[in-house]
Amino acid sequence: RQTYAVNSVAGMGLPPVAPGRRRLLVLPSHRKNNSFWEEYLRTLHFLAQFEDYDIVVKPHTRYGDGYDDLPENIRLAPDLDTSALIDWSEIILFWGSSVVLEGFQKRRTMVNLDYLNGNRSVFTLLGAGYLCRCRDDLLMVLRSEEVMERALAASTEGRELVRRKVIEGGQGEGVVERYLNFCEGVDG
């Protein structure tokens, strides 16, 4: 298993930016949250085939286990700052973790791996980010510039939806209360 503990860029421990390669960050939900973990691991092996991507996985803070058979060209970054990794990335793959709110706010291309979630996340219900219902959808977004452009547009629309419906919506006093009010009001 490879991690980014040494060979740091600017002392942050971030992966170096390789010319001609896209930077992809995976922000998984925790495995105890009705996630299809085996399919997630298959997806990581699938991603390893894309040599034109630098791929980093930031394991969930509370449930970072289960990465024993990780492909060599996918790096784990359990100890790096998530915000710095989001800054480093161009594309973020996710399926339900709340940390992706920052990715939307920082204008990253957000790809929702909905097929890994046994539930419907608030992001899926909003249509926030490019929605992948299967690995074929993921293949299309990673291989087709046209589909990647649609993913970028979906991320821009998603950012506005998340801001309007989640961050600024509801009746609560703070962001957390507004988020919970929104979730309670969603039909899904």
C-alpha atoms as a PDB file:
ATOM      1  CA  ARG A   1       0.000   0.000   0.000  1.00  0.00           C
ATOM      2  CA  GLN A   2       1.423   3.379  -1.006  1.00  0.00           C
ATOM      3  CA  THR A   3       0.765   6.539   0.936  1.00  0.00           C
ATOM      4  CA  TYR A   4       1.830  10.144   0.611  1.00  0.00           C
ATOM      5  CA  ALA A   5       3.948  10.572   3.702  1.00  0.00           C
ATOM      6  CA  VAL A   6       7.201  11.435   1.943  1.00  0.00           C
ATOM      7  CA  ASN A   7       8.154  13.155  -1.312  1.00  0.00           C
ATOM      8  CA  SER A   8       5.944  16.049  -0.382  1.00  0.00           C
ATOM      9  CA  VAL A   9       5.178  18.989  -2.629  1.00  0.00           C
ATOM     10  CA  ALA A  10       5.659  22.305  -0.845  1.00  0.00           C
ATOM     11  CA  GLY A  11       5.912  20.459   2.460  1.00  0.00           C
ATOM     12  CA  MET A  12       2.217  19.522   2.383  1.00  0.00           C
ATOM     13  CA  GLY A  13       2.680  15.872   1.445  1.00  0.00           C
ATOM     14  CA  LEU A  14       0.566  16.383  -1.673  1.00  0.00           C
ATOM     15  CA  PRO A  15       1.119  14.256  -4.759  1.00  0.00           C
ATOM     16  CA  PRO A  16       3.295  15.990  -7.349  1.00  0.00           C
ATOM     17  CA  VAL A  17       1.448  17.279 -10.393  1.00  0.00           C
ATOM     18  CA  ALA A  18       2.489  15.190 -13.392  1.00  0.00           C
ATOM     19  CA  PRO A  19       2.377  16.959 -16.767  1.00  0.00           C
ATOM     20  CA  GLY A  20      -0.374  15.698 -19.071  1.00  0.00           C
ATOM     21  CA  ARG A  21      -2.186  13.806 -16.331  1.00  0.00           C
ATOM     22  CA  ARG A  22      -5.502  14.713 -14.732  1.00  0.00           C
ATOM     23  CA  ARG A  23      -5.769  14.794 -10.938  1.00  0.00           C
ATOM     24  CA  LEU A  24      -8.567  12.645  -9.559  1.00  0.00           C
ATOM     25  CA  LEU A  25      -9.512  12.473  -5.879  1.00  0.00           C
ATOM     26  CA  VAL A  26     -11.773   9.763  -4.463  1.00  0.00           C
ATOM     27  CA  LEU A  27     -13.735  10.779  -1.340  1.00  0.00           C
ATOM     28  CA  PRO A  28     -15.588   7.654  -0.246  1.00  0.00           C
ATOM     29  CA  SER A  29     -18.476   7.506   2.132  1.00  0.00           C
ATOM     30  CA  HIS A  30     -17.818   5.268   5.094  1.00  0.00           C
ATOM     31  CA  ARG A  31     -18.352   1.578   4.482  1.00  0.00           C
ATOM     32  CA  LYS A  32     -20.937   1.220   7.244  1.00  0.00           C
ATOM     33  CA  ASN A  33     -23.247   3.702   5.521  1.00  0.00           C
ATOM     34  CA  ASN A  34     -25.030   1.185   3.276  1.00  0.00           C
ATOM     35  CA  SER A  35     -22.223   1.357   0.731  1.00  0.00           C
ATOM     36  CA  PHE A  36     -21.495  -1.438  -1.724  1.00  0.00           C
ATOM     37  CA  TRP A  37     -17.906  -1.814  -0.545  1.00  0.00           C
ATOM     38  CA  GLU A  38     -16.920  -4.723  -2.801  1.00  0.00           C
ATOM     39  CA  GLU A  39     -18.126  -2.797  -5.851  1.00  0.00           C
ATOM     40  CA  TYR A  40     -16.174   0.225  -4.627  1.00  0.00           C
ATOM     41  CA  LEU A  41     -12.998  -1.887  -4.472  1.00  0.00           C
ATOM     42  CA  ARG A  42     -13.729  -3.185  -8.003  1.00  0.00           C
ATOM     43  CA  THR A  43     -14.145   0.442  -9.095  1.00  0.00           C
ATOM     44  CA  LEU A  44     -10.698   1.304  -7.689  1.00  0.00           C
ATOM     45  CA  HIS A  45      -9.178  -1.549  -9.712  1.00  0.00           C
ATOM     46  CA  PHE A  46     -11.107  -0.291 -12.749  1.00  0.00           C
ATOM     47  CA  LEU A  47      -9.711   3.232 -12.204  1.00  0.00           C
ATOM     48  CA  ALA A  48      -6.173   1.855 -12.020  1.00  0.00           C
ATOM     49  CA  GLN A  49      -6.365   1.113 -15.758  1.00  0.00           C
ATOM     50  CA  PHE A  50      -6.414   4.835 -16.597  1.00  0.00           C
ATOM     51  CA  GLU A  51      -2.747   5.771 -16.932  1.00  0.00           C
ATOM     52  CA  ASP A  52      -3.520   9.384 -17.790  1.00  0.00           C
ATOM     53  CA  TYR A  53      -4.904  10.077 -14.290  1.00  0.00           C
ATOM     54  CA  ASP A  54      -3.131  10.612 -10.978  1.00  0.00           C
ATOM     55  CA  ILE A  55      -5.529   8.978  -8.525  1.00  0.00           C
ATOM     56  CA  VAL A  56      -5.576   9.611  -4.786  1.00  0.00           C
ATOM     57  CA  VAL A  57      -7.979   8.090  -2.266  1.00  0.00           C
ATOM     58  CA  LYS A  58      -8.635   9.990   0.937  1.00  0.00           C
ATOM     59  CA  PRO A  59     -10.123   7.285   3.177  1.00  0.00           C
ATOM     60  CA  HIS A  60     -13.090   8.256   5.302  1.00  0.00           C
ATOM     61  CA  THR A  61     -11.852   9.780   8.547  1.00  0.00           C
ATOM     62  CA  ARG A  62     -13.645   7.331  10.825  1.00  0.00           C
ATOM     63  CA  TYR A  63     -13.571   4.228   8.610  1.00  0.00           C
ATOM     64  CA  GLY A  64     -10.315   4.162   6.676  1.00  0.00           C
ATOM     65  CA  ASP A  65      -9.769   0.419   6.621  1.00  0.00           C
ATOM     66  CA  GLY A  66     -10.266  -2.096   3.836  1.00  0.00           C
ATOM     67  CA  TYR A  67      -7.539  -1.052   1.385  1.00  0.00           C
ATOM     68  CA  ASP A  68      -5.296  -4.122   1.565  1.00  0.00           C
ATOM     69  CA  ASP A  69      -5.358  -4.941  -2.165  1.00  0.00           C
ATOM     70  CA  LEU A  70      -5.104  -1.451  -3.622  1.00  0.00           C
ATOM     71  CA  PRO A  71      -3.608  -1.194  -7.130  1.00  0.00           C
ATOM     72  CA  GLU A  72      -0.077   0.185  -7.155  1.00  0.00           C
ATOM     73  CA  ASN A  73      -0.886   3.355  -9.091  1.00  0.00           C
ATOM     74  CA  ILE A  74      -3.651   4.464  -6.710  1.00  0.00           C
ATOM     75  CA  ARG A  75      -2.327   6.327  -3.700  1.00  0.00           C
ATOM     76  CA  LEU A  76      -3.814   6.500  -0.234  1.00  0.00           C
ATOM     77  CA  ALA A  77      -3.650   9.809   1.603  1.00  0.00           C
ATOM     78  CA  PRO A  78      -5.069   9.050   5.054  1.00  0.00           C
ATOM     79  CA  ASP A  79      -3.064  11.702   6.882  1.00  0.00           C
ATOM     80  CA  LEU A  80      -3.255  14.579   4.428  1.00  0.00           C
ATOM     81  CA  ASP A  81      -5.565  17.521   4.849  1.00  0.00           C
ATOM     82  CA  THR A  82      -8.784  16.936   2.894  1.00  0.00           C
ATOM     83  CA  SER A  83      -9.108  20.594   1.950  1.00  0.00           C
ATOM     84  CA  ALA A  84      -5.589  20.603   0.489  1.00  0.00           C
ATOM     85  CA  LEU A  85      -6.380  17.445  -1.477  1.00  0.00           C
ATOM     86  CA  ILE A  86      -9.532  19.081  -2.861  1.00  0.00           C
ATOM     87  CA  ASP A  87      -7.387  22.066  -3.893  1.00  0.00           C
ATOM     88  CA  TRP A  88      -4.957  19.638  -5.597  1.00  0.00           C
ATOM     89  CA  SER A  89      -7.688  17.782  -7.501  1.00  0.00           C
ATOM     90  CA  GLU A  90      -9.457  18.541 -10.755  1.00  0.00           C
ATOM     91  CA  ILE A  91     -12.063  15.783 -10.498  1.00  0.00           C
ATOM     92  CA  ILE A  92     -13.672  14.360  -7.366  1.00  0.00           C
ATOM     93  CA  LEU A  93     -15.429  11.002  -7.236  1.00  0.00           C
ATOM     94  CA  PHE A  94     -17.912  10.611  -4.375  1.00  0.00           C
ATOM     95  CA  TRP A  95     -21.196   8.997  -3.417  1.00  0.00           C
ATOM     96  CA  GLY A  96     -22.433  10.470  -0.184  1.00  0.00           C
ATOM     97  CA  SER A  97     -19.830  12.032   2.062  1.00  0.00           C
ATOM     98  CA  SER A  98     -20.633  15.524   3.333  1.00  0.00           C
ATOM     99  CA  VAL A  99     -17.037  16.649   2.747  1.00  0.00           C
ATOM    100  CA  VAL A 100     -17.885  16.952  -0.956  1.00  0.00           C
ATOM    101  CA  LEU A 101     -19.700  20.206  -0.185  1.00  0.00           C
ATOM    102  CA  GLU A 102     -16.250  21.777  -0.227  1.00  0.00           C
ATOM    103  CA  GLY A 103     -15.540  20.286  -3.651  1.00  0.00           C
ATOM    104  CA  PHE A 104     -18.685  21.894  -5.035  1.00  0.00           C
ATOM    105  CA  GLN A 105     -17.768  25.250  -3.473  1.00  0.00           C
ATOM    106  CA  LYS A 106     -14.233  25.048  -4.901  1.00  0.00           C
ATOM    107  CA  ARG A 107     -15.617  24.452  -8.401  1.00  0.00           C
ATOM    108  CA  ARG A 108     -14.234  20.967  -8.925  1.00  0.00           C
ATOM    109  CA  THR A 109     -15.732  18.544 -11.434  1.00  0.00           C
ATOM    110  CA  MET A 110     -17.909  16.399  -9.176  1.00  0.00           C
ATOM    111  CA  VAL A 111     -18.737  12.835 -10.239  1.00  0.00           C
ATOM    112  CA  ASN A 112     -21.372  11.103  -8.101  1.00  0.00           C
ATOM    113  CA  LEU A 113     -20.830   7.318  -8.044  1.00  0.00           C
ATOM    114  CA  ASP A 114     -24.456   6.664  -7.151  1.00  0.00           C
ATOM    115  CA  TYR A 115     -24.147   2.950  -7.972  1.00  0.00           C
ATOM    116  CA  LEU A 116     -22.006   2.524  -4.827  1.00  0.00           C
ATOM    117  CA  ASN A 117     -24.723   3.795  -2.491  1.00  0.00           C
ATOM    118  CA  GLY A 118     -27.556   1.601  -1.209  1.00  0.00           C
ATOM    119  CA  ASN A 119     -29.544   4.770  -0.499  1.00  0.00           C
ATOM    120  CA  ARG A 120     -30.185   7.986  -2.401  1.00  0.00           C
ATOM    121  CA  SER A 121     -27.919  10.753  -1.161  1.00  0.00           C
ATOM    122  CA  VAL A 122     -28.997  14.379  -0.987  1.00  0.00           C
ATOM    123  CA  PHE A 123     -26.616  15.007  -3.912  1.00  0.00           C
ATOM    124  CA  THR A 124     -28.370  12.366  -6.026  1.00  0.00           C
ATOM    125  CA  LEU A 125     -31.792  13.728  -5.100  1.00  0.00           C
ATOM    126  CA  LEU A 126     -30.685  17.210  -6.161  1.00  0.00           C
ATOM    127  CA  GLY A 127     -28.966  15.983  -9.295  1.00  0.00           C
ATOM    128  CA  ALA A 128     -25.803  17.701  -8.046  1.00  0.00           C
ATOM    129  CA  GLY A 129     -22.733  16.631  -9.980  1.00  0.00           C
ATOM    130  CA  TYR A 130     -22.465  14.178 -12.845  1.00  0.00           C
ATOM    131  CA  LEU A 131     -24.454  11.069 -11.926  1.00  0.00           C
ATOM    132  CA  CYS A 132     -22.946   7.623 -12.596  1.00  0.00           C
ATOM    133  CA  ARG A 133     -25.435   4.774 -12.263  1.00  0.00           C
ATOM    134  CA  CYS A 134     -22.818   2.144 -13.223  1.00  0.00           C
ATOM    135  CA  ARG A 135     -19.144   1.754 -14.136  1.00  0.00           C
ATOM    136  CA  ASP A 136     -20.031   2.264 -17.813  1.00  0.00           C
ATOM    137  CA  ASP A 137     -21.113   5.816 -16.932  1.00  0.00           C
ATOM    138  CA  LEU A 138     -17.810   6.338 -15.127  1.00  0.00           C
ATOM    139  CA  LEU A 139     -15.908   5.040 -18.170  1.00  0.00           C
ATOM    140  CA  MET A 140     -17.706   7.538 -20.387  1.00  0.00           C
ATOM    141  CA  VAL A 141     -16.891  10.523 -18.182  1.00  0.00           C
ATOM    142  CA  LEU A 142     -13.220   9.555 -17.875  1.00  0.00           C
ATOM    143  CA  ARG A 143     -12.705   8.802 -21.582  1.00  0.00           C
ATOM    144  CA  SER A 144     -14.881  11.328 -23.403  1.00  0.00           C
ATOM    145  CA  GLU A 145     -14.085  15.042 -23.401  1.00  0.00           C
ATOM    146  CA  GLU A 146     -17.699  15.726 -24.396  1.00  0.00           C
ATOM    147  CA  VAL A 147     -19.024  13.803 -21.386  1.00  0.00           C
ATOM    148  CA  MET A 148     -16.410  15.439 -19.145  1.00  0.00           C
ATOM    149  CA  GLU A 149     -17.736  18.814 -20.292  1.00  0.00           C
ATOM    150  CA  ARG A 150     -21.254  17.687 -19.316  1.00  0.00           C
ATOM    151  CA  ALA A 151     -19.841  16.615 -15.939  1.00  0.00           C
ATOM    152  CA  LEU A 152     -18.353  20.076 -15.466  1.00  0.00           C
ATOM    153  CA  ALA A 153     -21.707  21.689 -16.346  1.00  0.00           C
ATOM    154  CA  ALA A 154     -23.527  19.343 -13.935  1.00  0.00           C
ATOM    155  CA  SER A 155     -21.016  20.293 -11.240  1.00  0.00           C
ATOM    156  CA  THR A 156     -21.630  24.001 -11.826  1.00  0.00           C
ATOM    157  CA  GLU A 157     -25.407  23.498 -11.665  1.00  0.00           C
ATOM    158  CA  GLY A 158     -24.926  21.233  -8.648  1.00  0.00           C
ATOM    159  CA  ARG A 159     -22.897  23.861  -6.831  1.00  0.00           C
ATOM    160  CA  GLU A 160     -25.737  26.335  -7.245  1.00  0.00           C
ATOM    161  CA  LEU A 161     -28.334  23.768  -6.146  1.00  0.00           C
ATOM    162  CA  VAL A 162     -26.312  22.788  -3.077  1.00  0.00           C
ATOM    163  CA  ARG A 163     -25.746  26.435  -2.182  1.00  0.00           C
ATOM    164  CA  ARG A 164     -29.380  27.423  -2.673  1.00  0.00           C
ATOM    165  CA  LYS A 165     -31.144  24.317  -1.342  1.00  0.00           C
ATOM    166  CA  VAL A 166     -28.750  23.066   1.338  1.00  0.00           C
ATOM    167  CA  ILE A 167     -26.535  25.881   2.568  1.00  0.00           C
ATOM    168  CA  GLU A 168     -28.963  28.806   2.226  1.00  0.00           C
ATOM    169  CA  GLY A 169     -32.274  26.912   2.370  1.00  0.00           C
ATOM    170  CA  GLY A 170     -34.485  25.884   5.290  1.00  0.00           C
ATOM    171  CA  GLN A 171     -35.524  27.614   8.485  1.00  0.00           C
ATOM    172  CA  GLY A 172     -32.639  26.799  10.857  1.00  0.00           C
ATOM    173  CA  GLU A 173     -30.216  29.316  12.324  1.00  0.00           C
ATOM    174  CA  GLY A 174     -27.012  27.649  11.128  1.00  0.00           C
ATOM    175  CA  VAL A 175     -25.688  25.602   8.228  1.00  0.00           C
ATOM    176  CA  VAL A 176     -26.109  22.290  10.068  1.00  0.00           C
ATOM    177  CA  GLU A 177     -29.721  23.035  10.996  1.00  0.00           C
ATOM    178  CA  ARG A 178     -30.503  24.181   7.444  1.00  0.00           C
ATOM    179  CA  TYR A 179     -28.922  21.021   6.044  1.00  0.00           C
ATOM    180  CA  LEU A 180     -30.950  18.809   8.403  1.00  0.00           C
ATOM    181  CA  ASN A 181     -34.153  20.728   7.597  1.00  0.00           C
ATOM    182  CA  PHE A 182     -33.505  20.243   3.900  1.00  0.00           C
ATOM    183  CA  CYS A 183     -32.880  16.506   4.321  1.00  0.00           C
ATOM    184  CA  GLU A 184     -36.104  16.098   6.301  1.00  0.00           C
ATOM    185  CA  GLY A 185     -38.078  17.867   3.575  1.00  0.00           C
ATOM    186  CA  VAL A 186     -36.769  15.834   0.606  1.00  0.00           C
ATOM    187  CA  ASP A 187     -39.126  13.296  -0.914  1.00  0.00           C
ATOM    188  CA  GLY A 188     -37.064  10.336  -1.972  1.00  0.00           C
END
